[in-house]
């Protein structure tokens, strides 16, 4: 949750280049996807899947030069779409965390990280 919140708040810097509504939507969108990225990283033990997904979103989903969702031309459809997709992402992330099998995978990832950390010290 903390890393997702930080990821979302990092997008507040765009307030100087776009409107308040667009920036708030971008912060919420980044928080939602950041939370899902965190769960994916915990489940898989690597950040690379999230990095690749983030690159695809940036390259395909929101091109800067064609008036993307956060460019100032925000329609009600885009507002609803962003809110709905992020709510779905948060629900999926919470369901993944709640699942007992995934909790075992998270525990294995944490123990592997602790093991790697103790080896590097």
C-alpha atoms as a PDB file:
ATOM      1  CA  UNK A   1       0.000   0.000   0.000  1.00  0.00           C
ATOM      2  CA  UNK A   2       2.813   2.396   0.873  1.00  0.00           C
ATOM      3  CA  UNK A   3       4.680   1.900  -2.397  1.00  0.00           C
ATOM      4  CA  UNK A   4       1.431   2.256  -4.370  1.00  0.00           C
ATOM      5  CA  UNK A   5       0.589   5.460  -2.505  1.00  0.00           C
ATOM      6  CA  UNK A   6       4.086   6.818  -3.165  1.00  0.00           C
ATOM      7  CA  UNK A   7       3.800   5.815  -6.840  1.00  0.00           C
ATOM      8  CA  UNK A   8       0.493   7.673  -7.083  1.00  0.00           C
ATOM      9  CA  UNK A   9       1.765  10.768  -5.303  1.00  0.00           C
ATOM     10  CA  UNK A  10       4.795  10.932  -7.606  1.00  0.00           C
ATOM     11  CA  UNK A  11       2.335  11.790 -10.373  1.00  0.00           C
ATOM     12  CA  UNK A  12       1.251  14.944  -8.501  1.00  0.00           C
ATOM     13  CA  UNK A  13       4.191  16.712 -10.121  1.00  0.00           C
ATOM     14  CA  UNK A  14       2.125  16.821 -13.317  1.00  0.00           C
ATOM     15  CA  UNK A  15      -0.117  19.469 -11.737  1.00  0.00           C
ATOM     16  CA  UNK A  16       2.062  22.146 -13.346  1.00  0.00           C
ATOM     17  CA  UNK A  17       1.342  20.735 -16.819  1.00  0.00           C
ATOM     18  CA  UNK A  18      -2.310  19.697 -16.595  1.00  0.00           C
ATOM     19  CA  UNK A  19      -5.503  20.490 -14.744  1.00  0.00           C
ATOM     20  CA  UNK A  20      -6.417  19.498 -11.197  1.00  0.00           C
ATOM     21  CA  UNK A  21      -9.023  16.943 -12.334  1.00  0.00           C
ATOM     22  CA  UNK A  22      -6.595  15.256 -14.729  1.00  0.00           C
ATOM     23  CA  UNK A  23      -3.872  15.180 -12.069  1.00  0.00           C
ATOM     24  CA  UNK A  24      -6.230  13.705  -9.443  1.00  0.00           C
ATOM     25  CA  UNK A  25      -7.332  11.047 -11.917  1.00  0.00           C
ATOM     26  CA  UNK A  26      -3.712  10.286 -12.745  1.00  0.00           C
ATOM     27  CA  UNK A  27      -2.795   9.979  -9.054  1.00  0.00           C
ATOM     28  CA  UNK A  28      -5.725   7.597  -8.469  1.00  0.00           C
ATOM     29  CA  UNK A  29      -4.897   5.624 -11.615  1.00  0.00           C
ATOM     30  CA  UNK A  30      -1.243   5.342 -10.612  1.00  0.00           C
ATOM     31  CA  UNK A  31      -2.206   4.248  -7.094  1.00  0.00           C
ATOM     32  CA  UNK A  32      -4.509   1.518  -8.430  1.00  0.00           C
ATOM     33  CA  UNK A  33      -2.031   0.139 -10.920  1.00  0.00           C
ATOM     34  CA  UNK A  34       0.827   0.572  -8.429  1.00  0.00           C
ATOM     35  CA  UNK A  35      -1.026  -1.557  -5.893  1.00  0.00           C
ATOM     36  CA  UNK A  36      -1.596  -4.247  -8.506  1.00  0.00           C
ATOM     37  CA  UNK A  37       2.081  -4.027  -9.536  1.00  0.00           C
ATOM     38  CA  UNK A  38       3.083  -4.542  -5.890  1.00  0.00           C
ATOM     39  CA  UNK A  39       0.927  -7.640  -5.584  1.00  0.00           C
ATOM     40  CA  UNK A  40       2.353  -9.014  -8.850  1.00  0.00           C
ATOM     41  CA  UNK A  41       5.891  -8.390  -7.583  1.00  0.00           C
ATOM     42  CA  UNK A  42       5.146 -10.104  -4.265  1.00  0.00           C
ATOM     43  CA  UNK A  43       3.503 -13.047  -5.988  1.00  0.00           C
ATOM     44  CA  UNK A  44       6.211 -13.583  -8.612  1.00  0.00           C
ATOM     45  CA  UNK A  45       9.275 -12.402  -6.688  1.00  0.00           C
ATOM     46  CA  UNK A  46      10.338 -10.056  -9.498  1.00  0.00           C
ATOM     47  CA  UNK A  47       9.504  -6.517 -10.573  1.00  0.00           C
ATOM     48  CA  UNK A  48      10.118  -7.150 -14.277  1.00  0.00           C
ATOM     49  CA  UNK A  49       6.560  -8.196 -15.099  1.00  0.00           C
ATOM     50  CA  UNK A  50       5.299  -4.938 -13.609  1.00  0.00           C
ATOM     51  CA  UNK A  51       7.990  -2.976 -15.468  1.00  0.00           C
ATOM     52  CA  UNK A  52       6.937  -4.524 -18.775  1.00  0.00           C
ATOM     53  CA  UNK A  53       3.248  -3.851 -18.091  1.00  0.00           C
ATOM     54  CA  UNK A  54       4.066  -0.252 -17.143  1.00  0.00           C
ATOM     55  CA  UNK A  55       5.995   0.197 -20.403  1.00  0.00           C
ATOM     56  CA  UNK A  56       3.066  -1.200 -22.380  1.00  0.00           C
ATOM     57  CA  UNK A  57       0.666   1.183 -20.646  1.00  0.00           C
ATOM     58  CA  UNK A  58       2.948   4.143 -21.382  1.00  0.00           C
ATOM     59  CA  UNK A  59       3.648   3.185 -24.976  1.00  0.00           C
ATOM     60  CA  UNK A  60       0.238   1.887 -26.024  1.00  0.00           C
ATOM     61  CA  UNK A  61      -2.365   3.096 -23.556  1.00  0.00           C
ATOM     62  CA  UNK A  62      -1.624   6.776 -23.033  1.00  0.00           C
ATOM     63  CA  UNK A  63       0.400   8.317 -25.872  1.00  0.00           C
ATOM     64  CA  UNK A  64       1.306  11.901 -25.000  1.00  0.00           C
ATOM     65  CA  UNK A  65       1.025  13.315 -28.505  1.00  0.00           C
ATOM     66  CA  UNK A  66      -2.555  12.283 -29.217  1.00  0.00           C
ATOM     67  CA  UNK A  67      -4.386  13.835 -26.280  1.00  0.00           C
ATOM     68  CA  UNK A  68      -4.466  10.983 -23.810  1.00  0.00           C
ATOM     69  CA  UNK A  69      -6.694  10.701 -20.781  1.00  0.00           C
ATOM     70  CA  UNK A  70      -4.642  13.138 -18.709  1.00  0.00           C
ATOM     71  CA  UNK A  71      -3.955  15.782 -21.356  1.00  0.00           C
ATOM     72  CA  UNK A  72      -6.810  18.126 -20.524  1.00  0.00           C
ATOM     73  CA  UNK A  73      -9.372  16.716 -22.971  1.00  0.00           C
ATOM     74  CA  UNK A  74     -10.941  14.521 -20.315  1.00  0.00           C
ATOM     75  CA  UNK A  75     -14.463  13.386 -21.143  1.00  0.00           C
ATOM     76  CA  UNK A  76     -16.933  11.876 -18.707  1.00  0.00           C
ATOM     77  CA  UNK A  77     -16.378   8.542 -20.411  1.00  0.00           C
ATOM     78  CA  UNK A  78     -12.645   8.685 -19.628  1.00  0.00           C
ATOM     79  CA  UNK A  79     -13.313   9.686 -16.028  1.00  0.00           C
ATOM     80  CA  UNK A  80     -15.704   6.772 -15.556  1.00  0.00           C
ATOM     81  CA  UNK A  81     -13.370   4.402 -17.408  1.00  0.00           C
ATOM     82  CA  UNK A  82     -10.362   5.333 -15.266  1.00  0.00           C
ATOM     83  CA  UNK A  83     -12.318   5.085 -12.015  1.00  0.00           C
ATOM     84  CA  UNK A  84     -13.953   1.779 -12.956  1.00  0.00           C
ATOM     85  CA  UNK A  85     -10.756   0.117 -14.171  1.00  0.00           C
ATOM     86  CA  UNK A  86      -8.817   1.190 -11.078  1.00  0.00           C
ATOM     87  CA  UNK A  87     -11.552  -0.051  -8.760  1.00  0.00           C
ATOM     88  CA  UNK A  88     -11.471  -3.395 -10.575  1.00  0.00           C
ATOM     89  CA  UNK A  89      -7.654  -3.473 -10.229  1.00  0.00           C
ATOM     90  CA  UNK A  90      -7.917  -2.822  -6.491  1.00  0.00           C
ATOM     91  CA  UNK A  91     -10.534  -5.554  -6.067  1.00  0.00           C
ATOM     92  CA  UNK A  92      -8.360  -8.026  -7.986  1.00  0.00           C
ATOM     93  CA  UNK A  93      -5.304  -7.074  -5.921  1.00  0.00           C
ATOM     94  CA  UNK A  94      -7.205  -7.490  -2.636  1.00  0.00           C
ATOM     95  CA  UNK A  95      -8.595 -10.854  -3.779  1.00  0.00           C
ATOM     96  CA  UNK A  96      -5.087 -12.003  -4.690  1.00  0.00           C
ATOM     97  CA  UNK A  97      -3.819 -11.002  -1.258  1.00  0.00           C
ATOM     98  CA  UNK A  98      -6.749 -12.689   0.499  1.00  0.00           C
ATOM     99  CA  UNK A  99      -6.242 -16.005  -1.313  1.00  0.00           C
ATOM    100  CA  UNK A 100      -4.463 -18.509   0.968  1.00  0.00           C
ATOM    101  CA  UNK A 101      -2.326 -19.986  -1.838  1.00  0.00           C
ATOM    102  CA  UNK A 102      -1.080 -16.537  -2.753  1.00  0.00           C
ATOM    103  CA  UNK A 103      -0.216 -15.823   0.867  1.00  0.00           C
ATOM    104  CA  UNK A 104       2.086 -18.835   0.756  1.00  0.00           C
ATOM    105  CA  UNK A 105       3.699 -17.460  -2.407  1.00  0.00           C
ATOM    106  CA  UNK A 106       4.123 -14.072  -0.706  1.00  0.00           C
ATOM    107  CA  UNK A 107       5.748 -15.765   2.301  1.00  0.00           C
ATOM    108  CA  UNK A 108       8.145 -17.615   0.011  1.00  0.00           C
ATOM    109  CA  UNK A 109       9.032 -14.353  -1.750  1.00  0.00           C
ATOM    110  CA  UNK A 110       9.668 -12.596   1.571  1.00  0.00           C
ATOM    111  CA  UNK A 111      11.824 -15.452   2.869  1.00  0.00           C
ATOM    112  CA  UNK A 112      13.793 -15.456  -0.386  1.00  0.00           C
ATOM    113  CA  UNK A 113      14.306 -11.694  -0.094  1.00  0.00           C
ATOM    114  CA  UNK A 114      15.465 -12.068   3.517  1.00  0.00           C
ATOM    115  CA  UNK A 115      17.815 -14.857   2.485  1.00  0.00           C
ATOM    116  CA  UNK A 116      19.279 -12.756  -0.349  1.00  0.00           C
ATOM    117  CA  UNK A 117      19.618  -9.789   1.998  1.00  0.00           C
ATOM    118  CA  UNK A 118      21.476 -11.783   4.648  1.00  0.00           C
ATOM    119  CA  UNK A 119      23.831 -13.172   1.986  1.00  0.00           C
ATOM    120  CA  UNK A 120      24.680  -9.667   0.758  1.00  0.00           C
ATOM    121  CA  UNK A 121      25.480  -8.455   4.282  1.00  0.00           C
END
